[in-house]
């Protein structure tokens, strides 16, 4: 592998890591907001119970507490979903013992349990690139010529449509 290819590969990996970090930071910010909402609901529950106690019957707070608990259930489910999204971005999964392990791990290093095989998530997050048909180098989307071999690149909108393919819109690049 040439020096420039190594540099390009390193830069590409760094860009992927940076994108992962941005995505994880956004998800953690969402989680932080949901945890604040949970704290507010806990506070509401406490106030409702205390008001009912002062009124002489804690049972009077039952409906308000039940409504808060239902909202808490939704928030907890949202938090679990966000945690799973973070694990997918990091290529991780959880064992039944609670240990977080790499997605391709077959056994838990803590308890030895066999882990279910999970497909790796698509790694198409980030920029769209054009692959040179001659040397298979990744190029910028708007590039007209390959960075490595100088071959002419055809962009999706300049390429002629196949004459024998019906144009129902399903064959177009997004």
C-alpha atoms as a PDB file:
ATOM      1  CA  UNK A   1       0.000   0.000   0.000  1.00  0.00           C
ATOM      2  CA  UNK A   2       1.455   3.357  -1.004  1.00  0.00           C
ATOM      3  CA  UNK A   3       2.054   6.168   1.439  1.00  0.00           C
ATOM      4  CA  UNK A   4      -0.781   8.259  -0.013  1.00  0.00           C
ATOM      5  CA  UNK A   5      -3.236   5.362   0.186  1.00  0.00           C
ATOM      6  CA  UNK A   6      -2.287   4.845   3.840  1.00  0.00           C
ATOM      7  CA  UNK A   7      -2.803   8.544   4.536  1.00  0.00           C
ATOM      8  CA  UNK A   8      -6.117   8.487   2.665  1.00  0.00           C
ATOM      9  CA  UNK A   9      -7.245   5.401   4.577  1.00  0.00           C
ATOM     10  CA  UNK A  10      -6.220   6.977   7.897  1.00  0.00           C
ATOM     11  CA  UNK A  11      -8.070  10.177   7.048  1.00  0.00           C
ATOM     12  CA  UNK A  12     -11.146   8.190   6.055  1.00  0.00           C
ATOM     13  CA  UNK A  13     -11.073   6.240   9.326  1.00  0.00           C
ATOM     14  CA  UNK A  14     -10.606   9.475  11.289  1.00  0.00           C
ATOM     15  CA  UNK A  15     -13.594  11.001   9.494  1.00  0.00           C
ATOM     16  CA  UNK A  16     -15.712   7.948  10.348  1.00  0.00           C
ATOM     17  CA  UNK A  17     -14.663   8.168  14.008  1.00  0.00           C
ATOM     18  CA  UNK A  18     -15.465  11.882  14.060  1.00  0.00           C
ATOM     19  CA  UNK A  19     -18.906  11.197  12.557  1.00  0.00           C
ATOM     20  CA  UNK A  20     -19.508   8.482  15.167  1.00  0.00           C
ATOM     21  CA  UNK A  21     -18.494  10.880  17.929  1.00  0.00           C
ATOM     22  CA  UNK A  22     -20.885  13.548  16.653  1.00  0.00           C
ATOM     23  CA  UNK A  23     -23.756  11.045  16.430  1.00  0.00           C
ATOM     24  CA  UNK A  24     -23.059   9.685  19.921  1.00  0.00           C
ATOM     25  CA  UNK A  25     -22.823  13.206  21.363  1.00  0.00           C
ATOM     26  CA  UNK A  26     -26.221  14.090  19.872  1.00  0.00           C
ATOM     27  CA  UNK A  27     -27.776  10.916  21.287  1.00  0.00           C
ATOM     28  CA  UNK A  28     -26.256  11.531  24.721  1.00  0.00           C
ATOM     29  CA  UNK A  29     -27.644  15.077  24.697  1.00  0.00           C
ATOM     30  CA  UNK A  30     -31.089  13.624  23.973  1.00  0.00           C
ATOM     31  CA  UNK A  31     -30.602  11.155  26.827  1.00  0.00           C
ATOM     32  CA  UNK A  32     -29.615  13.970  29.188  1.00  0.00           C
ATOM     33  CA  UNK A  33     -32.799  15.861  28.314  1.00  0.00           C
ATOM     34  CA  UNK A  34     -34.907  12.775  28.945  1.00  0.00           C
ATOM     35  CA  UNK A  35     -33.181  12.194  32.299  1.00  0.00           C
ATOM     36  CA  UNK A  36     -34.054  15.788  33.293  1.00  0.00           C
ATOM     37  CA  UNK A  37     -37.670  15.091  32.308  1.00  0.00           C
ATOM     38  CA  UNK A  38     -37.560  12.011  34.542  1.00  0.00           C
ATOM     39  CA  UNK A  39     -36.283  14.100  37.469  1.00  0.00           C
ATOM     40  CA  UNK A  40     -39.174  16.542  36.977  1.00  0.00           C
ATOM     41  CA  UNK A  41     -41.651  13.665  37.019  1.00  0.00           C
ATOM     42  CA  UNK A  42     -40.081  12.224  40.184  1.00  0.00           C
ATOM     43  CA  UNK A  43     -40.442  15.665  41.758  1.00  0.00           C
ATOM     44  CA  UNK A  44     -44.101  15.848  40.659  1.00  0.00           C
ATOM     45  CA  UNK A  45     -44.775  12.433  42.197  1.00  0.00           C
ATOM     46  CA  UNK A  46     -43.239  13.519  45.489  1.00  0.00           C
ATOM     47  CA  UNK A  47     -45.220  16.754  45.551  1.00  0.00           C
ATOM     48  CA  UNK A  48     -48.475  14.943  44.730  1.00  0.00           C
ATOM     49  CA  UNK A  49     -47.931  12.410  47.524  1.00  0.00           C
ATOM     50  CA  UNK A  50     -46.999  15.116  50.017  1.00  0.00           C
ATOM     51  CA  UNK A  51     -50.040  17.281  49.109  1.00  0.00           C
ATOM     52  CA  UNK A  52     -52.275  14.250  49.501  1.00  0.00           C
ATOM     53  CA  UNK A  53     -50.691  13.428  52.872  1.00  0.00           C
ATOM     54  CA  UNK A  54     -51.342  16.990  54.064  1.00  0.00           C
ATOM     55  CA  UNK A  55     -54.952  16.652  52.893  1.00  0.00           C
ATOM     56  CA  UNK A  56     -55.272  13.516  54.979  1.00  0.00           C
ATOM     57  CA  UNK A  57     -55.481  10.822  52.295  1.00  0.00           C
ATOM     58  CA  UNK A  58     -52.507   9.625  50.278  1.00  0.00           C
ATOM     59  CA  UNK A  59     -54.944   7.749  48.018  1.00  0.00           C
ATOM     60  CA  UNK A  60     -55.988  11.127  46.591  1.00  0.00           C
ATOM     61  CA  UNK A  61     -52.664  11.317  44.745  1.00  0.00           C
ATOM     62  CA  UNK A  62     -53.107   7.964  43.025  1.00  0.00           C
ATOM     63  CA  UNK A  63     -54.289   9.282  39.640  1.00  0.00           C
ATOM     64  CA  UNK A  64     -51.581  11.948  39.394  1.00  0.00           C
ATOM     65  CA  UNK A  65     -48.886   9.471  40.431  1.00  0.00           C
ATOM     66  CA  UNK A  66     -50.148   6.877  37.928  1.00  0.00           C
ATOM     67  CA  UNK A  67     -50.057   9.465  35.113  1.00  0.00           C
ATOM     68  CA  UNK A  68     -46.474  10.420  36.019  1.00  0.00           C
ATOM     69  CA  UNK A  69     -45.450   6.761  36.162  1.00  0.00           C
ATOM     70  CA  UNK A  70     -46.912   6.179  32.710  1.00  0.00           C
ATOM     71  CA  UNK A  71     -44.860   9.095  31.349  1.00  0.00           C
ATOM     72  CA  UNK A  72     -41.799   7.647  33.090  1.00  0.00           C
ATOM     73  CA  UNK A  73     -42.385   4.302  31.351  1.00  0.00           C
ATOM     74  CA  UNK A  74     -42.282   6.037  27.945  1.00  0.00           C
ATOM     75  CA  UNK A  75     -39.132   7.940  28.832  1.00  0.00           C
ATOM     76  CA  UNK A  76     -37.394   4.765  30.066  1.00  0.00           C
ATOM     77  CA  UNK A  77     -38.289   3.031  26.778  1.00  0.00           C
ATOM     78  CA  UNK A  78     -36.890   6.009  24.835  1.00  0.00           C
ATOM     79  CA  UNK A  79     -33.672   5.893  26.877  1.00  0.00           C
ATOM     80  CA  UNK A  80     -33.229   2.178  26.149  1.00  0.00           C
ATOM     81  CA  UNK A  81     -33.726   2.853  22.435  1.00  0.00           C
ATOM     82  CA  UNK A  82     -31.124   5.647  22.504  1.00  0.00           C
ATOM     83  CA  UNK A  83     -28.675   3.378  24.366  1.00  0.00           C
ATOM     84  CA  UNK A  84     -29.145   0.693  21.694  1.00  0.00           C
ATOM     85  CA  UNK A  85     -28.515   3.243  18.947  1.00  0.00           C
ATOM     86  CA  UNK A  86     -25.265   4.251  20.657  1.00  0.00           C
ATOM     87  CA  UNK A  87     -24.224   0.593  20.896  1.00  0.00           C
ATOM     88  CA  UNK A  88     -24.955   0.127  17.187  1.00  0.00           C
ATOM     89  CA  UNK A  89     -22.857   3.171  16.300  1.00  0.00           C
ATOM     90  CA  UNK A  90     -20.005   1.813  18.427  1.00  0.00           C
ATOM     91  CA  UNK A  91     -20.530  -1.726  17.045  1.00  0.00           C
ATOM     92  CA  UNK A  92     -21.332  -3.096  20.505  1.00  0.00           C
ATOM     93  CA  UNK A  93     -23.958  -5.316  22.092  1.00  0.00           C
ATOM     94  CA  UNK A  94     -24.856  -6.351  25.650  1.00  0.00           C
ATOM     95  CA  UNK A  95     -24.597  -9.737  27.274  1.00  0.00           C
ATOM     96  CA  UNK A  96     -27.312 -10.995  29.610  1.00  0.00           C
ATOM     97  CA  UNK A  97     -24.896 -10.366  32.484  1.00  0.00           C
ATOM     98  CA  UNK A  98     -24.804  -6.666  31.578  1.00  0.00           C
ATOM     99  CA  UNK A  99     -21.298  -6.582  30.072  1.00  0.00           C
ATOM    100  CA  UNK A 100     -20.993  -4.502  26.878  1.00  0.00           C
ATOM    101  CA  UNK A 101     -18.947  -6.377  24.260  1.00  0.00           C
ATOM    102  CA  UNK A 102     -17.944  -5.824  20.608  1.00  0.00           C
ATOM    103  CA  UNK A 103     -20.666  -6.637  18.081  1.00  0.00           C
ATOM    104  CA  UNK A 104     -18.629  -9.478  16.564  1.00  0.00           C
ATOM    105  CA  UNK A 105     -17.939 -11.162  19.943  1.00  0.00           C
ATOM    106  CA  UNK A 106     -19.253 -14.714  20.084  1.00  0.00           C
ATOM    107  CA  UNK A 107     -18.769 -15.246  23.828  1.00  0.00           C
ATOM    108  CA  UNK A 108     -18.900 -12.903  26.817  1.00  0.00           C
ATOM    109  CA  UNK A 109     -15.453 -12.340  28.365  1.00  0.00           C
ATOM    110  CA  UNK A 110     -17.000 -11.952  31.861  1.00  0.00           C
ATOM    111  CA  UNK A 111     -19.489 -14.808  32.167  1.00  0.00           C
ATOM    112  CA  UNK A 112     -18.633 -17.007  29.162  1.00  0.00           C
ATOM    113  CA  UNK A 113     -22.184 -16.996  27.798  1.00  0.00           C
ATOM    114  CA  UNK A 114     -22.578 -17.563  24.071  1.00  0.00           C
ATOM    115  CA  UNK A 115     -23.794 -14.396  22.383  1.00  0.00           C
ATOM    116  CA  UNK A 116     -26.239 -14.210  19.507  1.00  0.00           C
ATOM    117  CA  UNK A 117     -24.774 -13.395  16.112  1.00  0.00           C
ATOM    118  CA  UNK A 118     -25.893  -9.929  15.067  1.00  0.00           C
ATOM    119  CA  UNK A 119     -25.370  -8.400  11.648  1.00  0.00           C
ATOM    120  CA  UNK A 120     -23.112  -5.367  11.567  1.00  0.00           C
ATOM    121  CA  UNK A 121     -25.080  -2.198  10.878  1.00  0.00           C
ATOM    122  CA  UNK A 122     -24.579  -0.452   7.570  1.00  0.00           C
ATOM    123  CA  UNK A 123     -21.620   1.904   7.607  1.00  0.00           C
ATOM    124  CA  UNK A 124     -23.000   4.262   5.012  1.00  0.00           C
ATOM    125  CA  UNK A 125     -23.134   7.210   7.397  1.00  0.00           C
ATOM    126  CA  UNK A 126     -21.227  10.135   6.001  1.00  0.00           C
ATOM    127  CA  UNK A 127     -20.364  11.338   2.543  1.00  0.00           C
ATOM    128  CA  UNK A 128     -21.480   9.761  -0.706  1.00  0.00           C
ATOM    129  CA  UNK A 129     -18.540   8.900  -2.932  1.00  0.00           C
ATOM    130  CA  UNK A 130     -18.090   7.774  -6.504  1.00  0.00           C
ATOM    131  CA  UNK A 131     -15.999   4.636  -7.086  1.00  0.00           C
ATOM    132  CA  UNK A 132     -13.785   4.613 -10.169  1.00  0.00           C
ATOM    133  CA  UNK A 133     -14.682   1.659 -12.383  1.00  0.00           C
ATOM    134  CA  UNK A 134     -11.068   1.389 -13.547  1.00  0.00           C
ATOM    135  CA  UNK A 135      -9.022   1.384 -10.292  1.00  0.00           C
ATOM    136  CA  UNK A 136     -11.805   1.233  -7.634  1.00  0.00           C
ATOM    137  CA  UNK A 137     -10.626   4.430  -5.881  1.00  0.00           C
ATOM    138  CA  UNK A 138     -13.188   6.439  -3.905  1.00  0.00           C
ATOM    139  CA  UNK A 139     -13.679   9.934  -5.295  1.00  0.00           C
ATOM    140  CA  UNK A 140     -15.747  12.951  -4.271  1.00  0.00           C
ATOM    141  CA  UNK A 141     -19.337  12.961  -5.536  1.00  0.00           C
ATOM    142  CA  UNK A 142     -18.787  15.937  -7.847  1.00  0.00           C
ATOM    143  CA  UNK A 143     -15.418  14.688  -9.223  1.00  0.00           C
ATOM    144  CA  UNK A 144     -15.272  14.342 -13.007  1.00  0.00           C
ATOM    145  CA  UNK A 145     -11.948  12.481 -13.103  1.00  0.00           C
ATOM    146  CA  UNK A 146     -10.440   9.847 -10.805  1.00  0.00           C
ATOM    147  CA  UNK A 147      -7.880  11.042  -8.265  1.00  0.00           C
ATOM    148  CA  UNK A 148      -5.650   8.005  -8.807  1.00  0.00           C
ATOM    149  CA  UNK A 149      -5.788   7.038 -12.472  1.00  0.00           C
ATOM    150  CA  UNK A 150      -7.388  10.077 -14.164  1.00  0.00           C
ATOM    151  CA  UNK A 151     -10.171   7.937 -15.655  1.00  0.00           C
ATOM    152  CA  UNK A 152     -13.371   9.837 -16.531  1.00  0.00           C
ATOM    153  CA  UNK A 153     -16.033   9.329 -13.870  1.00  0.00           C
ATOM    154  CA  UNK A 154     -19.695   9.254 -14.810  1.00  0.00           C
ATOM    155  CA  UNK A 155     -22.061  10.809 -12.310  1.00  0.00           C
ATOM    156  CA  UNK A 156     -25.509   9.318 -11.854  1.00  0.00           C
ATOM    157  CA  UNK A 157     -27.270  12.269 -13.484  1.00  0.00           C
ATOM    158  CA  UNK A 158     -24.976  12.403 -16.564  1.00  0.00           C
ATOM    159  CA  UNK A 159     -25.089   8.688 -17.346  1.00  0.00           C
ATOM    160  CA  UNK A 160     -27.545   7.638 -20.044  1.00  0.00           C
ATOM    161  CA  UNK A 161     -30.398   5.393 -18.945  1.00  0.00           C
ATOM    162  CA  UNK A 162     -30.454   1.826 -20.168  1.00  0.00           C
ATOM    163  CA  UNK A 163     -32.836   1.657 -23.136  1.00  0.00           C
ATOM    164  CA  UNK A 164     -34.407  -1.673 -22.168  1.00  0.00           C
ATOM    165  CA  UNK A 165     -35.179  -0.666 -18.567  1.00  0.00           C
ATOM    166  CA  UNK A 166     -38.625   0.825 -17.873  1.00  0.00           C
ATOM    167  CA  UNK A 167     -38.370   4.209 -16.124  1.00  0.00           C
ATOM    168  CA  UNK A 168     -40.669   3.689 -13.155  1.00  0.00           C
ATOM    169  CA  UNK A 169     -38.435   5.722 -10.825  1.00  0.00           C
ATOM    170  CA  UNK A 170     -37.199   2.675  -8.898  1.00  0.00           C
ATOM    171  CA  UNK A 171     -33.830   2.507 -10.678  1.00  0.00           C
ATOM    172  CA  UNK A 172     -32.622   5.975  -9.813  1.00  0.00           C
ATOM    173  CA  UNK A 173     -29.935   6.719  -7.251  1.00  0.00           C
ATOM    174  CA  UNK A 174     -31.119   8.570  -4.192  1.00  0.00           C
END
